[in-house]
Protein backbone atom coordinates (compact mmCIF):
# COMPACT_ATOMS: atom_id res chain seq x y z
CA UNK A 1 1.90 -1.57 -12.04
CA UNK A 2 1.33 -1.91 -8.28
CA UNK A 3 3.59 0.35 -6.22
CA UNK A 4 4.22 -0.20 -2.51
CA UNK A 5 4.88 2.77 -0.21
CA UNK A 6 5.62 2.91 3.52
CA UNK A 7 4.85 5.73 5.99
CA UNK A 8 7.99 7.72 6.65
CA UNK A 9 6.79 9.56 9.77
CA UNK A 10 5.37 12.42 7.80
CA UNK A 11 3.67 11.09 4.61
CA UNK A 12 1.76 7.86 4.05
CA UNK A 13 3.24 7.71 0.53
CA UNK A 14 6.71 8.50 1.87
CA UNK A 15 9.22 5.68 1.27
CA UNK A 16 8.98 3.79 -1.95
CA UNK A 17 9.44 0.02 -1.30
CA UNK A 18 8.90 -1.74 -4.64
CA UNK A 19 6.72 -2.18 -7.71
CA UNK A 20 5.01 -5.37 -8.93
CA UNK A 21 2.83 -6.61 -11.76
CA UNK A 22 0.27 -8.33 -9.49
CA UNK A 23 -1.61 -7.23 -6.42
CA UNK A 24 -0.77 -10.46 -4.56
CA UNK A 25 2.94 -9.94 -5.05
CA UNK A 26 2.68 -6.34 -3.82
CA UNK A 27 0.81 -7.37 -0.67
CA UNK A 28 3.37 -10.14 0.01
CA UNK A 29 6.25 -7.63 -0.27
CA UNK A 30 4.38 -5.15 1.97
CA UNK A 31 3.89 -7.82 4.63
CA UNK A 32 7.61 -8.41 4.73
CA UNK A 33 8.47 -4.69 5.15
CA UNK A 34 5.41 -3.20 6.92
CA UNK A 35 3.75 -4.36 10.16
CA UNK A 36 0.06 -4.01 9.24
CA UNK A 37 -3.14 -5.73 10.52
CA UNK A 38 -5.94 -4.49 8.28
CA UNK A 39 -6.23 -4.13 4.49
CA UNK A 40 -8.84 -1.84 2.85
CA UNK A 41 -9.23 -1.65 -0.91
CA UNK A 42 -10.58 1.53 -2.48
CA UNK A 43 -11.19 2.35 -6.14
CA UNK A 44 -11.49 6.01 -7.21
CA UNK A 45 -11.54 6.83 -10.92
CA UNK A 46 -8.60 5.17 -12.67
CA UNK A 47 -6.69 4.64 -9.41
CA UNK A 48 -6.93 1.69 -7.05
CA UNK A 49 -5.57 2.10 -3.51
CA UNK A 50 -4.96 -0.59 -0.95
CA UNK A 51 -4.58 0.97 2.52
CA UNK A 52 -2.47 -0.86 5.03
CA UNK A 53 -3.47 -0.12 8.63
CA UNK A 54 -2.09 -1.17 12.00
CA UNK A 55 -4.19 -2.58 14.90
CA UNK A 56 -5.50 0.93 15.74
CA UNK A 57 -6.60 1.48 12.15
CA UNK A 58 -3.87 4.03 11.65
CA UNK A 59 -2.48 3.97 8.09
CA UNK A 60 1.13 2.72 7.92
CA UNK A 61 1.43 2.14 4.18
CA UNK A 62 -0.37 2.15 0.84
CA UNK A 63 -0.29 0.17 -2.42
CA UNK A 64 -1.32 2.13 -5.52
CA UNK A 65 -2.19 1.12 -9.07
CA UNK A 66 -3.03 3.67 -11.75
CA UNK A 67 -4.98 2.26 -14.68
CA UNK A 68 -4.73 3.66 -18.16
């Protein structure tokens, strides 16, 4: 399950936006709610993170998937 979070002014994983079954659907929902320019995908262990950055490469959101 892909979960979309938005920066709340204090935490990157602050405001929960939505959850989706596909990565494409999660990125589409994030583009509607978060103004981001760059996307960087990172895999660490059983967790996949998609960082959403603005034009200054400052993180403004994140999409997370935890595998079993």
